[in-house]
Amino acid sequence: MKKINITEKLDFEANPVLIIKDKEYPVNADATTVLKLMDLVSDEKGFTNRDILEAYELLLPEKTRSEINKLGISFADLTVIVEAAMDLATGDTGEGGEKQ
């Protein structure tokens, strides 16, 4: 029987975080979440307001969403948060994100 140890090829780091007002908020970046997200954004109908809310719920744990909701953010700010969380989850931290 052949065996291959791929442990060194895997990344077991903690989830990435968004920083808002000097507070860190974890982003769900596990494979299952990202696959659900990709399915959501690849829909032919386009990315709707409902999709933004679904992505928000997928990417951010309930405790994080509760804390962010208390900030009284606008819809435009929510969109920025979701886009940044999507970038972090997919590993795309180009223009909108800043690696720390």
N, C-alpha and C. Protein backbone atom coordinates (compact mmCIF):
# COMPACT_ATOMS: atom_id res chain seq x y z
N MET A 1 0.85 -1.17 0.00
CA MET A 1 0.00 0.00 0.00
C MET A 1 0.90 1.25 0.00
N LYS A 2 0.60 2.19 -0.89
CA LYS A 2 1.36 3.44 -0.95
C LYS A 2 0.76 4.45 0.01
N LYS A 3 1.62 5.24 0.57
CA LYS A 3 1.19 6.31 1.48
C LYS A 3 1.93 7.58 1.13
N ILE A 4 1.23 8.71 1.22
CA ILE A 4 1.85 10.01 0.99
C ILE A 4 1.44 10.92 2.15
N ASN A 5 2.43 11.46 2.81
CA ASN A 5 2.16 12.40 3.89
C ASN A 5 2.19 13.81 3.30
N ILE A 6 1.03 14.48 3.26
CA ILE A 6 0.92 15.82 2.67
C ILE A 6 0.81 16.91 3.73
N THR A 7 1.03 16.56 4.97
CA THR A 7 0.86 17.50 6.08
C THR A 7 1.61 18.80 5.85
N GLU A 8 2.84 18.71 5.37
CA GLU A 8 3.65 19.91 5.18
C GLU A 8 3.13 20.80 4.06
N LYS A 9 2.31 20.24 3.19
CA LYS A 9 1.76 21.01 2.08
C LYS A 9 0.48 21.75 2.46
N LEU A 10 -0.08 21.44 3.62
CA LEU A 10 -1.34 22.03 4.05
C LEU A 10 -1.11 23.22 4.97
N ASP A 11 -2.06 24.13 4.96
CA ASP A 11 -1.98 25.35 5.78
C ASP A 11 -3.02 25.26 6.88
N PHE A 12 -2.56 25.09 8.09
CA PHE A 12 -3.47 24.96 9.23
C PHE A 12 -3.56 26.23 10.06
N GLU A 13 -3.19 27.36 9.45
CA GLU A 13 -3.25 28.63 10.18
C GLU A 13 -4.69 28.96 10.56
N ALA A 14 -4.84 29.81 11.53
CA ALA A 14 -6.16 30.27 11.95
C ALA A 14 -6.81 31.05 10.82
N ASN A 15 -8.11 31.21 10.93
CA ASN A 15 -8.84 31.98 9.93
C ASN A 15 -8.29 33.41 9.85
N PRO A 16 -8.37 34.01 8.66
CA PRO A 16 -7.94 35.40 8.52
C PRO A 16 -8.91 36.31 9.29
N VAL A 17 -8.49 37.54 9.51
CA VAL A 17 -9.34 38.49 10.25
C VAL A 17 -9.48 39.80 9.49
N LEU A 18 -10.64 40.42 9.67
CA LEU A 18 -10.86 41.79 9.22
C LEU A 18 -10.57 42.69 10.41
N ILE A 19 -9.99 43.83 10.17
CA ILE A 19 -9.77 44.79 11.25
C ILE A 19 -10.66 46.00 10.99
N ILE A 20 -11.54 46.27 11.94
CA ILE A 20 -12.44 47.41 11.86
C ILE A 20 -12.33 48.18 13.17
N LYS A 21 -11.97 49.43 13.09
CA LYS A 21 -11.80 50.26 14.29
C LYS A 21 -10.88 49.58 15.31
N ASP A 22 -9.74 49.09 14.85
CA ASP A 22 -8.73 48.45 15.68
C ASP A 22 -9.21 47.18 16.39
N LYS A 23 -10.33 46.63 15.97
CA LYS A 23 -10.82 45.37 16.53
C LYS A 23 -10.75 44.31 15.43
N GLU A 24 -10.34 43.10 15.81
CA GLU A 24 -10.20 42.02 14.86
C GLU A 24 -11.46 41.16 14.83
N TYR A 25 -11.91 40.85 13.61
CA TYR A 25 -13.08 40.01 13.40
C TYR A 25 -12.70 38.84 12.50
N PRO A 26 -12.84 37.60 13.00
CA PRO A 26 -12.46 36.43 12.19
C PRO A 26 -13.39 36.24 11.00
N VAL A 27 -12.82 35.70 9.93
CA VAL A 27 -13.57 35.39 8.71
C VAL A 27 -13.49 33.89 8.48
N ASN A 28 -14.63 33.26 8.25
CA ASN A 28 -14.65 31.83 7.94
C ASN A 28 -14.02 31.61 6.58
N ALA A 29 -12.92 30.89 6.53
CA ALA A 29 -12.21 30.67 5.27
C ALA A 29 -11.99 29.18 5.00
N ASP A 30 -12.79 28.34 5.64
CA ASP A 30 -12.64 26.91 5.41
C ASP A 30 -13.14 26.56 4.00
N ALA A 31 -12.72 25.43 3.50
CA ALA A 31 -13.02 25.03 2.12
C ALA A 31 -14.53 24.96 1.85
N THR A 32 -15.30 24.43 2.78
CA THR A 32 -16.74 24.31 2.57
C THR A 32 -17.39 25.67 2.41
N THR A 33 -17.01 26.61 3.25
CA THR A 33 -17.56 27.96 3.17
C THR A 33 -17.19 28.61 1.84
N VAL A 34 -15.94 28.48 1.45
CA VAL A 34 -15.49 29.11 0.20
C VAL A 34 -16.19 28.48 -1.00
N LEU A 35 -16.40 27.17 -0.98
CA LEU A 35 -17.12 26.53 -2.08
C LEU A 35 -18.56 27.02 -2.17
N LYS A 36 -19.22 27.17 -1.02
CA LYS A 36 -20.59 27.72 -1.00
C LYS A 36 -20.59 29.15 -1.53
N LEU A 37 -19.58 29.92 -1.15
CA LEU A 37 -19.46 31.30 -1.60
C LEU A 37 -19.27 31.36 -3.11
N MET A 38 -18.40 30.49 -3.64
CA MET A 38 -18.14 30.48 -5.07
C MET A 38 -19.41 30.13 -5.85
N ASP A 39 -20.18 29.20 -5.31
CA ASP A 39 -21.44 28.84 -5.94
C ASP A 39 -22.40 30.03 -5.93
N LEU A 40 -22.40 30.76 -4.83
CA LEU A 40 -23.27 31.92 -4.69
C LEU A 40 -22.92 33.02 -5.69
N VAL A 41 -21.65 33.31 -5.85
CA VAL A 41 -21.24 34.41 -6.73
C VAL A 41 -21.19 34.00 -8.20
N SER A 42 -21.21 32.71 -8.48
CA SER A 42 -21.14 32.28 -9.88
C SER A 42 -22.52 32.16 -10.52
N ASP A 43 -23.55 32.43 -9.76
CA ASP A 43 -24.91 32.33 -10.28
C ASP A 43 -25.11 33.32 -11.43
N GLU A 44 -25.78 32.89 -12.46
CA GLU A 44 -25.97 33.71 -13.66
C GLU A 44 -26.82 34.96 -13.42
N LYS A 45 -27.62 34.96 -12.37
CA LYS A 45 -28.50 36.11 -12.12
C LYS A 45 -27.74 37.32 -11.59
N GLY A 46 -26.49 37.15 -11.27
CA GLY A 46 -25.72 38.25 -10.71
C GLY A 46 -25.75 38.21 -9.19
N PHE A 47 -24.99 39.05 -8.57
CA PHE A 47 -24.85 39.10 -7.11
C PHE A 47 -25.89 40.08 -6.57
N THR A 48 -26.95 39.58 -5.97
CA THR A 48 -28.07 40.41 -5.50
C THR A 48 -27.86 40.84 -4.04
N ASN A 49 -28.74 41.71 -3.58
CA ASN A 49 -28.70 42.13 -2.17
C ASN A 49 -28.88 40.94 -1.25
N ARG A 50 -29.73 40.01 -1.63
CA ARG A 50 -29.93 38.80 -0.83
C ARG A 50 -28.63 37.98 -0.77
N ASP A 51 -27.90 37.95 -1.89
CA ASP A 51 -26.62 37.24 -1.93
C ASP A 51 -25.60 37.88 -1.00
N ILE A 52 -25.62 39.20 -0.93
CA ILE A 52 -24.70 39.91 -0.03
C ILE A 52 -24.98 39.50 1.41
N LEU A 53 -26.25 39.43 1.76
CA LEU A 53 -26.62 39.02 3.12
C LEU A 53 -26.22 37.56 3.36
N GLU A 54 -26.43 36.70 2.38
CA GLU A 54 -26.06 35.29 2.53
C GLU A 54 -24.54 35.15 2.67
N ALA A 55 -23.79 35.91 1.88
CA ALA A 55 -22.33 35.87 1.98
C ALA A 55 -21.88 36.37 3.36
N TYR A 56 -22.52 37.42 3.86
CA TYR A 56 -22.24 37.96 5.19
C TYR A 56 -22.41 36.87 6.24
N GLU A 57 -23.52 36.13 6.14
CA GLU A 57 -23.81 35.08 7.11
C GLU A 57 -22.86 33.89 6.96
N LEU A 58 -22.45 33.59 5.74
CA LEU A 58 -21.51 32.49 5.50
C LEU A 58 -20.11 32.81 6.04
N LEU A 59 -19.65 34.02 5.73
CA LEU A 59 -18.26 34.38 5.98
C LEU A 59 -17.95 34.81 7.40
N LEU A 60 -18.94 35.34 8.09
CA LEU A 60 -18.67 35.87 9.42
C LEU A 60 -19.47 35.10 10.48
N PRO A 61 -18.80 34.63 11.52
CA PRO A 61 -19.50 33.93 12.59
C PRO A 61 -20.57 34.81 13.23
N GLU A 62 -21.55 34.19 13.85
CA GLU A 62 -22.67 34.92 14.44
C GLU A 62 -22.21 35.99 15.43
N LYS A 63 -21.25 35.66 16.28
CA LYS A 63 -20.75 36.63 17.26
C LYS A 63 -20.15 37.85 16.55
N THR A 64 -19.39 37.60 15.49
CA THR A 64 -18.78 38.69 14.72
C THR A 64 -19.85 39.57 14.09
N ARG A 65 -20.86 38.93 13.48
CA ARG A 65 -21.95 39.70 12.85
C ARG A 65 -22.67 40.55 13.89
N SER A 66 -22.89 39.98 15.06
CA SER A 66 -23.56 40.72 16.12
C SER A 66 -22.77 41.97 16.52
N GLU A 67 -21.46 41.82 16.64
CA GLU A 67 -20.60 42.95 17.01
C GLU A 67 -20.57 44.01 15.89
N ILE A 68 -20.51 43.55 14.65
CA ILE A 68 -20.49 44.49 13.53
C ILE A 68 -21.84 45.21 13.42
N ASN A 69 -22.93 44.48 13.63
CA ASN A 69 -24.25 45.10 13.57
C ASN A 69 -24.40 46.22 14.59
N LYS A 70 -23.75 46.07 15.74
CA LYS A 70 -23.82 47.09 16.79
C LYS A 70 -23.11 48.38 16.38
N LEU A 71 -22.26 48.31 15.34
CA LEU A 71 -21.56 49.50 14.87
C LEU A 71 -22.49 50.45 14.10
N GLY A 72 -23.67 49.96 13.75
CA GLY A 72 -24.63 50.81 13.03
C GLY A 72 -24.16 51.15 11.62
N ILE A 73 -23.60 50.18 10.92
CA ILE A 73 -23.03 50.43 9.60
C ILE A 73 -24.12 50.63 8.54
N SER A 74 -23.76 51.33 7.49
CA SER A 74 -24.66 51.53 6.35
C SER A 74 -24.59 50.32 5.43
N PHE A 75 -25.52 50.27 4.46
CA PHE A 75 -25.49 49.18 3.49
C PHE A 75 -24.20 49.22 2.68
N ALA A 76 -23.77 50.42 2.33
CA ALA A 76 -22.51 50.56 1.58
C ALA A 76 -21.34 49.99 2.38
N ASP A 77 -21.31 50.26 3.69
CA ASP A 77 -20.25 49.73 4.55
C ASP A 77 -20.35 48.20 4.66
N LEU A 78 -21.58 47.69 4.73
CA LEU A 78 -21.78 46.24 4.78
C LEU A 78 -21.21 45.59 3.52
N THR A 79 -21.44 46.22 2.39
CA THR A 79 -20.93 45.71 1.13
C THR A 79 -19.40 45.68 1.13
N VAL A 80 -18.79 46.73 1.66
CA VAL A 80 -17.32 46.77 1.75
C VAL A 80 -16.82 45.64 2.65
N ILE A 81 -17.48 45.42 3.77
CA ILE A 81 -17.09 44.36 4.70
C ILE A 81 -17.20 42.99 4.03
N VAL A 82 -18.32 42.76 3.34
CA VAL A 82 -18.52 41.46 2.67
C VAL A 82 -17.48 41.26 1.58
N GLU A 83 -17.21 42.28 0.79
CA GLU A 83 -16.21 42.16 -0.28
C GLU A 83 -14.82 41.87 0.30
N ALA A 84 -14.47 42.55 1.38
CA ALA A 84 -13.16 42.31 2.00
C ALA A 84 -13.09 40.90 2.60
N ALA A 85 -14.18 40.46 3.22
CA ALA A 85 -14.22 39.11 3.79
C ALA A 85 -14.11 38.05 2.68
N MET A 86 -14.77 38.31 1.54
CA MET A 86 -14.68 37.40 0.40
C MET A 86 -13.24 37.32 -0.09
N ASP A 87 -12.59 38.47 -0.19
CA ASP A 87 -11.19 38.51 -0.62
C ASP A 87 -10.30 37.71 0.33
N LEU A 88 -10.51 37.89 1.64
CA LEU A 88 -9.71 37.16 2.62
C LEU A 88 -9.95 35.66 2.52
N ALA A 89 -11.22 35.27 2.39
CA ALA A 89 -11.56 33.85 2.35
C ALA A 89 -11.00 33.16 1.11
N THR A 90 -10.94 33.88 0.01
CA THR A 90 -10.45 33.28 -1.24
C THR A 90 -8.97 33.52 -1.45
N GLY A 91 -8.34 34.26 -0.54
CA GLY A 91 -6.90 34.51 -0.65
C GLY A 91 -6.54 35.66 -1.53
N ASP A 92 -7.52 36.43 -1.99
CA ASP A 92 -7.29 37.58 -2.87
C ASP A 92 -7.27 38.85 -2.02
N THR A 93 -6.09 39.27 -1.58
CA THR A 93 -6.00 40.48 -0.76
C THR A 93 -5.32 41.60 -1.52
N GLY A 94 -5.63 41.71 -2.81
CA GLY A 94 -5.05 42.74 -3.66
C GLY A 94 -5.44 44.14 -3.25
N GLU A 95 -6.20 44.83 -4.07
CA GLU A 95 -6.54 46.24 -3.84
C GLU A 95 -7.31 46.49 -2.56
N GLY A 96 -8.37 45.68 -2.28
CA GLY A 96 -9.23 45.96 -1.14
C GLY A 96 -8.68 45.53 0.19
N GLY A 97 -7.71 44.65 0.19
CA GLY A 97 -7.23 44.11 1.45
C GLY A 97 -5.80 44.50 1.72
N GLU A 98 -5.44 44.33 2.95
CA GLU A 98 -4.08 44.66 3.37
C GLU A 98 -3.57 43.51 4.22
N LYS A 99 -2.52 42.83 3.79
CA LYS A 99 -1.97 41.73 4.57
C LYS A 99 -1.24 42.29 5.77
N GLN A 100 -1.44 41.65 6.88
CA GLN A 100 -0.79 42.07 8.13
C GLN A 100 0.06 40.95 8.66
